[in-house]
Amino acid sequence: MTTRTLSFIRRTILVFVLSALVAEARADIFGDGLNFYRSGNYVAAIQAWRPLAERGDVRAQVNLGLMYNAGQGVTRDQGEAAKWYRKAAVQGDAKAQHNLGTMYYKGEGVLQDYKEAAQWFQMAADQGNKSAIMALASMYESGQGVPRDNKQAATWTRKAAGQGDDIAQILLATMYLKGNGVPQDFKEAAAWLRKSADQGNANAQELLGMMYRGGMGVPHDNKESVKWYRRAAQQGNASAQAQLGEMYSQGLGVGLDVVAAYVLYDLAAAAGTKESRNASKNRDKLLKIMTPSQITEAQEFRANWKPGMTLPGN
């Protein structure tokens, strides 16, 4: 082996070792900044991350953007936040792309520009960023920054739903219910609602209860309807409370129980939703047929009930 060859090998090894040491040092500095941030020492975190960000460290750039946007350790400056997001976004960071798109969408730190927002959302969505996917779907549905296209809206909503996003699953189900961007399909709607409902989403649970009660995409089954209404009602969903109250008052899928019906109607009446007025009327009708002891029992239960507590009835 020649002297020149040995010299080349030594230089290559030296460059490799130095690069590894620099990377390790940067990792330590980033970690120090993270520890400062978690302890609430935002000024120290900024001081640790700024030199890294200036040298092109994507993680530090994103974090500086977040801190300028929130005013943590620095005076809040959305223009500065956008600057750091952009530096990370052009390097391909999906979170930075989504955040920069959001700033263009809202006109925060930059001039409002839906087209520019859509382009950044598209870049992040292509990398699987769920927030960007949902934002892009919404823009296609409304025609903001992109041509209005319900099929594209459904396509992107499906991507987020397939990733397990419970809100996207409800939205996709609604699209199938209405035939909006997809063929109307109650069975497919019910399937997506179940996915969301099984994750504990109260709105999906309420809608699934409605589907079983009406036999839409699933067999008509009042007992199954009661099950899903109950889960949503216990989380405070006013529509589910009103519907479940109706089922108790009529003995549909459950034993007739005016005490349970009163409590549920009264909960829905207090929510201030569009169902509240009817729920209030139905509650007052029950008062005319309830015994004094039933009224006392219902009102005592209602006074102590909070979302998450077990509801009355079987």
Protein backbone atom coordinates (compact mmCIF):
# COMPACT_ATOMS: atom_id res chain seq x y z
CA MET A 1 0.00 0.00 0.00
CA THR A 2 1.45 3.37 -1.01
CA THR A 3 2.02 6.33 1.27
CA ARG A 4 -0.53 8.32 -0.72
CA THR A 5 -3.15 5.62 -0.23
CA LEU A 6 -2.50 5.47 3.51
CA SER A 7 -2.77 9.24 3.74
CA PHE A 8 -6.11 9.17 1.91
CA ILE A 9 -7.47 6.48 4.23
CA ARG A 10 -6.34 8.42 7.31
CA ARG A 11 -8.00 11.61 6.06
CA THR A 12 -11.21 9.72 5.29
CA ILE A 13 -11.27 8.17 8.76
CA LEU A 14 -10.55 11.54 10.35
CA VAL A 15 -13.42 13.20 8.47
CA PHE A 16 -15.75 10.37 9.46
CA VAL A 17 -14.73 10.57 13.13
CA LEU A 18 -15.05 14.35 13.21
CA SER A 19 -18.48 14.20 11.55
CA ALA A 20 -19.62 11.64 14.09
CA LEU A 21 -18.33 13.79 16.96
CA VAL A 22 -20.10 16.88 15.60
CA ALA A 23 -23.36 14.95 15.20
CA GLU A 24 -23.02 13.60 18.74
CA ALA A 25 -22.31 17.07 20.11
CA ARG A 26 -25.35 18.50 18.33
CA ALA A 27 -27.49 15.70 19.70
CA ASP A 28 -26.26 16.50 23.22
CA ILE A 29 -27.00 20.22 22.75
CA PHE A 30 -30.46 19.47 21.36
CA GLY A 31 -31.10 17.17 24.32
CA ASP A 32 -29.98 19.90 26.72
CA GLY A 33 -32.43 22.28 25.06
CA LEU A 34 -35.19 19.72 25.37
CA ASN A 35 -34.50 19.28 29.09
CA PHE A 36 -34.55 23.06 29.56
CA TYR A 37 -37.86 23.27 27.68
CA ARG A 38 -39.49 20.49 29.69
CA SER A 39 -38.44 22.15 32.93
CA GLY A 40 -39.99 25.45 31.79
CA ASN A 41 -36.68 27.25 31.26
CA TYR A 42 -37.63 28.52 27.82
CA VAL A 43 -34.88 31.14 27.59
CA ALA A 44 -32.18 28.50 28.10
CA ALA A 45 -33.90 26.25 25.55
CA ILE A 46 -33.83 29.05 22.99
CA GLN A 47 -30.15 29.68 23.69
CA ALA A 48 -29.37 25.99 23.19
CA TRP A 49 -31.40 25.57 20.01
CA ARG A 50 -30.72 28.80 18.15
CA PRO A 51 -27.09 27.98 17.13
CA LEU A 52 -28.23 24.53 15.96
CA ALA A 53 -31.11 26.05 13.99
CA GLU A 54 -28.78 28.55 12.35
CA ARG A 55 -26.57 25.66 11.24
CA GLY A 56 -29.56 23.94 9.64
CA ASP A 57 -30.75 21.53 12.34
CA VAL A 58 -34.38 20.83 11.37
CA ARG A 59 -35.57 19.84 14.85
CA ALA A 60 -34.18 23.04 16.35
CA GLN A 61 -35.73 25.12 13.56
CA VAL A 62 -39.17 23.61 14.14
CA ASN A 63 -38.91 24.14 17.89
CA LEU A 64 -37.82 27.76 17.46
CA GLY A 65 -40.84 28.25 15.23
CA LEU A 66 -43.13 26.80 17.87
CA MET A 67 -41.62 28.94 20.62
CA TYR A 68 -41.82 32.17 18.63
CA ASN A 69 -45.41 31.33 17.73
CA ALA A 70 -46.30 30.75 21.39
CA GLY A 71 -44.08 33.48 22.88
CA GLN A 72 -42.11 31.04 25.02
CA GLY A 73 -38.75 32.45 26.11
CA VAL A 74 -39.10 35.24 23.51
CA THR A 75 -41.54 37.96 22.59
CA ARG A 76 -44.25 36.37 20.49
CA ASP A 77 -43.40 36.97 16.84
CA GLN A 78 -45.38 35.07 14.22
CA GLY A 79 -43.22 36.43 11.41
CA GLU A 80 -40.15 34.94 13.08
CA ALA A 81 -42.07 31.70 13.66
CA ALA A 82 -42.90 31.51 9.95
CA LYS A 83 -39.24 32.14 9.08
CA TRP A 84 -38.04 29.15 11.11
CA TYR A 85 -40.88 26.92 9.93
CA ARG A 86 -39.94 27.77 6.34
CA LYS A 87 -36.29 26.83 6.91
CA ALA A 88 -37.34 23.40 8.19
CA ALA A 89 -40.14 23.03 5.62
CA VAL A 90 -37.84 23.47 2.62
CA GLN A 91 -35.71 20.68 4.06
CA GLY A 92 -38.76 18.42 3.89
CA ASP A 93 -39.97 18.40 7.49
CA ALA A 94 -43.68 17.51 7.40
CA LYS A 95 -44.54 19.15 10.72
CA ALA A 96 -42.95 22.42 9.62
CA GLN A 97 -44.75 22.22 6.28
CA HIS A 98 -48.08 21.77 8.04
CA ASN A 99 -47.39 24.60 10.47
CA LEU A 100 -46.30 26.94 7.68
CA GLY A 101 -49.41 26.02 5.71
CA THR A 102 -51.52 26.86 8.75
CA MET A 103 -49.89 30.29 9.00
CA TYR A 104 -50.63 31.01 5.34
CA TYR A 105 -54.19 29.77 5.81
CA LYS A 106 -54.79 32.06 8.80
CA GLY A 107 -52.61 34.93 7.63
CA GLU A 108 -50.44 34.75 10.75
CA GLY A 109 -46.88 36.04 10.30
CA VAL A 110 -47.40 36.02 6.53
CA LEU A 111 -49.98 37.40 4.14
CA GLN A 112 -53.03 35.15 4.01
CA ASP A 113 -52.74 32.98 0.92
CA TYR A 114 -54.94 29.89 0.55
CA LYS A 115 -53.08 28.69 -2.53
CA GLU A 116 -49.74 28.84 -0.73
CA ALA A 117 -51.32 27.13 2.28
CA ALA A 118 -52.64 24.32 0.11
CA GLN A 119 -49.21 23.75 -1.43
CA TRP A 120 -47.54 23.34 1.96
CA PHE A 121 -50.39 21.15 3.22
CA GLN A 122 -49.99 19.02 0.10
CA MET A 123 -46.26 18.50 0.78
CA ALA A 124 -46.92 17.48 4.37
CA ALA A 125 -49.92 15.33 3.42
CA ASP A 126 -47.83 13.45 0.88
CA GLN A 127 -45.63 12.43 3.81
CA GLY A 128 -48.63 11.19 5.78
CA ASN A 129 -49.06 14.10 8.19
CA LYS A 130 -52.63 13.62 9.45
CA SER A 131 -53.25 17.24 10.34
CA ALA A 132 -52.16 18.32 6.87
CA ILE A 133 -54.28 15.61 5.27
CA MET A 134 -57.38 16.85 7.09
CA ALA A 135 -56.60 20.47 6.24
CA LEU A 136 -56.17 19.60 2.56
CA ALA A 137 -59.42 17.63 2.55
CA SER A 138 -61.24 20.62 4.03
CA MET A 139 -59.76 22.94 1.41
CA TYR A 140 -60.89 20.69 -1.43
CA GLU A 141 -64.36 20.54 0.08
CA SER A 142 -64.61 24.33 0.37
CA GLY A 143 -62.58 25.22 -2.74
CA GLN A 144 -60.07 27.34 -0.83
CA GLY A 145 -56.72 27.56 -2.62
CA VAL A 146 -57.63 24.59 -4.81
CA PRO A 147 -60.54 23.85 -7.15
CA ARG A 148 -63.55 22.62 -5.23
CA ASP A 149 -63.52 18.84 -5.59
CA ASN A 150 -65.60 16.59 -3.34
CA LYS A 151 -63.91 13.47 -4.69
CA GLN A 152 -60.49 14.81 -3.72
CA ALA A 153 -61.90 15.80 -0.32
CA ALA A 154 -63.15 12.25 0.17
CA THR A 155 -59.86 10.75 -1.00
CA TRP A 156 -57.82 12.73 1.52
CA THR A 157 -60.37 12.19 4.29
CA ARG A 158 -60.13 8.46 3.65
CA LYS A 159 -56.32 8.62 4.06
CA ALA A 160 -56.68 10.17 7.51
CA ALA A 161 -59.51 7.80 8.43
CA GLY A 162 -57.35 4.86 7.39
CA GLN A 163 -54.67 6.10 9.78
CA GLY A 164 -57.17 5.79 12.61
CA ASP A 165 -58.18 9.44 12.99
CA ASP A 166 -61.61 9.29 14.67
CA ILE A 167 -62.72 12.71 13.39
CA ALA A 168 -61.79 11.77 9.82
CA GLN A 169 -63.74 8.54 10.22
CA ILE A 170 -66.88 10.48 11.18
CA LEU A 171 -66.42 12.89 8.30
CA LEU A 172 -65.97 10.04 5.85
CA ALA A 173 -69.06 8.33 7.24
CA THR A 174 -71.02 11.55 6.73
CA MET A 175 -69.81 11.69 3.13
CA TYR A 176 -71.15 8.18 2.56
CA LEU A 177 -74.44 9.09 4.24
CA LYS A 178 -74.92 12.07 1.92
CA GLY A 179 -73.21 10.66 -1.18
CA ASN A 180 -70.81 13.60 -1.06
CA GLY A 181 -67.70 12.80 -3.12
CA VAL A 182 -68.46 9.09 -2.87
CA PRO A 183 -71.47 6.95 -3.81
CA GLN A 184 -74.14 7.03 -1.10
CA ASP A 185 -73.64 3.89 0.95
CA PHE A 186 -75.23 3.51 4.40
CA LYS A 187 -73.40 0.25 5.09
CA GLU A 188 -70.03 1.87 4.46
CA ALA A 189 -71.08 4.86 6.58
CA ALA A 190 -71.97 2.58 9.48
CA ALA A 191 -68.65 0.75 9.19
CA TRP A 192 -66.65 3.99 9.50
CA LEU A 193 -68.85 5.21 12.35
CA ARG A 194 -68.16 2.01 14.24
CA LYS A 195 -64.40 2.51 13.88
CA SER A 196 -64.72 5.97 15.39
CA ALA A 197 -67.26 4.91 18.01
CA ASP A 198 -65.00 2.09 19.19
CA GLN A 199 -62.36 4.74 19.89
CA GLY A 200 -64.83 6.43 22.23
CA ASN A 201 -65.95 9.28 19.99
CA ALA A 202 -69.31 10.37 21.40
CA ASN A 203 -70.57 11.92 18.15
CA ALA A 204 -69.88 8.69 16.27
CA GLN A 205 -71.59 6.69 19.02
CA GLU A 206 -74.68 8.89 18.77
CA LEU A 207 -74.81 8.56 14.99
CA LEU A 208 -74.32 4.81 15.17
CA GLY A 209 -77.22 4.63 17.62
CA MET A 210 -79.31 6.51 15.05
CA MET A 211 -78.26 4.06 12.32
CA TYR A 212 -79.36 1.04 14.36
CA ARG A 213 -82.61 2.69 15.32
CA GLY A 214 -83.41 3.45 11.70
CA GLY A 215 -81.96 0.27 10.21
CA MET A 216 -79.64 2.32 8.00
CA GLY A 217 -76.72 0.22 6.77
CA VAL A 218 -77.20 -2.13 9.72
CA PRO A 219 -80.12 -4.31 10.87
CA HIS A 220 -82.83 -2.44 12.76
CA ASP A 221 -81.99 -3.13 16.41
CA ASN A 222 -83.34 -0.95 19.22
CA LYS A 223 -81.23 -2.68 21.86
CA GLU A 224 -78.06 -1.98 19.90
CA SER A 225 -79.26 1.57 19.40
CA VAL A 226 -79.72 2.00 23.16
CA LYS A 227 -76.20 0.67 23.76
CA TRP A 228 -74.57 3.29 21.55
CA TYR A 229 -76.85 6.12 22.67
CA ARG A 230 -75.98 5.29 26.28
CA ARG A 231 -72.24 5.42 25.64
CA ALA A 232 -72.54 8.82 23.99
CA ALA A 233 -75.03 10.13 26.58
CA GLN A 234 -72.68 9.27 29.44
CA GLN A 235 -70.06 11.47 27.80
CA GLY A 236 -72.48 14.38 27.75
CA ASN A 237 -73.69 14.18 24.14
CA ALA A 238 -77.01 16.09 24.25
CA SER A 239 -78.49 14.55 21.11
CA ALA A 240 -77.84 11.04 22.44
CA GLN A 241 -79.34 12.01 25.79
CA ALA A 242 -82.51 13.23 24.10
CA GLN A 243 -82.77 10.12 21.90
CA LEU A 244 -82.12 7.78 24.80
CA GLY A 245 -84.70 9.64 26.87
CA GLU A 246 -87.23 9.00 24.14
CA MET A 247 -86.42 5.30 24.07
CA TYR A 248 -86.85 5.02 27.85
CA SER A 249 -90.11 6.95 27.72
CA GLN A 250 -91.49 4.56 25.08
CA GLY A 251 -89.81 1.33 26.20
CA LEU A 252 -87.94 0.88 22.92
CA GLY A 253 -85.04 -1.56 23.23
CA VAL A 254 -85.16 -1.08 26.98
CA GLY A 255 -87.73 -1.29 29.77
CA LEU A 256 -90.02 1.72 30.10
CA ASP A 257 -88.52 3.96 32.79
CA VAL A 258 -89.90 7.48 33.29
CA VAL A 259 -87.25 8.37 35.90
CA ALA A 260 -84.43 7.62 33.48
CA ALA A 261 -86.30 9.40 30.69
CA TYR A 262 -86.78 12.52 32.84
CA VAL A 263 -83.09 12.68 33.76
CA LEU A 264 -81.99 12.27 30.15
CA TYR A 265 -84.46 14.84 28.82
CA ASP A 266 -83.39 17.32 31.51
CA LEU A 267 -79.71 16.82 30.67
CA ALA A 268 -80.41 17.43 26.99
CA ALA A 269 -82.61 20.44 27.78
CA ALA A 270 -79.76 22.12 29.67
CA ALA A 271 -77.27 21.73 26.83
CA GLY A 272 -78.52 24.67 24.78
CA THR A 273 -78.53 22.70 21.51
CA LYS A 274 -81.20 22.49 18.83
CA GLU A 275 -82.58 19.39 20.54
CA SER A 276 -82.92 21.21 23.88
CA ARG A 277 -86.34 22.76 23.25
CA ASN A 278 -87.97 19.43 22.32
CA ALA A 279 -86.20 17.71 25.21
CA SER A 280 -87.58 20.34 27.57
CA LYS A 281 -91.12 19.81 26.25
CA ASN A 282 -90.82 16.03 26.56
CA ARG A 283 -89.50 16.36 30.12
CA ASP A 284 -92.45 18.55 31.09
CA LYS A 285 -94.90 16.05 29.59
CA LEU A 286 -93.41 13.32 31.78
CA LEU A 287 -93.97 15.41 34.90
CA LYS A 288 -97.71 15.10 34.34
CA ILE A 289 -97.64 11.32 34.63
CA MET A 290 -94.85 10.83 37.20
CA THR A 291 -95.54 10.20 40.88
CA PRO A 292 -94.09 12.57 43.51
CA SER A 293 -91.56 9.92 44.55
CA GLN A 294 -90.46 9.41 40.95
CA ILE A 295 -90.01 13.16 40.49
CA THR A 296 -87.93 13.39 43.66
CA GLU A 297 -85.78 10.44 42.63
CA ALA A 298 -85.22 11.88 39.15
CA GLN A 299 -84.38 15.38 40.36
CA GLU A 300 -81.96 14.12 43.02
CA PHE A 301 -80.15 11.95 40.48
CA ARG A 302 -80.02 14.80 37.99
CA ALA A 303 -78.58 17.22 40.54
CA ASN A 304 -75.62 14.93 41.22
CA TRP A 305 -74.92 13.68 37.70
CA LYS A 306 -71.71 14.57 35.85
CA PRO A 307 -70.41 13.37 32.44
CA GLY A 308 -68.90 9.94 32.79
CA MET A 309 -71.21 8.85 35.61
CA THR A 310 -73.52 5.91 35.10
CA LEU A 311 -76.94 6.94 33.87
CA PRO A 312 -80.18 5.74 35.44
CA GLY A 313 -82.17 2.89 33.95
CA ASN A 314 -81.42 -0.71 33.07
